[in-house]
Amino acid sequence: MYYNVFFISVKTLTEKSVVITVRLSKRDLKRIEALRFLEDVDRSTLIKEFIEDGLRRRVVDLYRKGKLTAGRSAEVLGISLREFLEILEEEGVPVIWDSEGIRKYVKAKYGD
């Protein structure tokens, strides 16, 4: 599931949000609008969910391919290591353990 999103400009509003301008094909916009209508959500919320889902899927895929560690994956997603390990469990992805990963997991779960 890919979305034709091209970043044209970015305007910073606050540290937590920015406004971006995107170009979508008419086909993609129609699909977004159809789903928005079915789920009764605003367009902005739906697109944010698409981005979050896409980031999560790609990071899990990069982890699965060995291109990211569990710790780095959690950082990219902005979540704790424990939360990322839970995502892997939900997705049925085996955990690749190394000594650094084990140390971070134990620290995250049990503290120092």
Foldseek 3Di string as FASTA:
>chain_A
DDFQWDWDDWADDDPVDIDTDTDGDPVRVVVLVVVCVVVVHDSVVSVVVVVLVVLLVVLLVCVLVVNDALCVSCVSSVHASVVSVVVCVVVVRDHDDDPVSVVSVCCVVPND
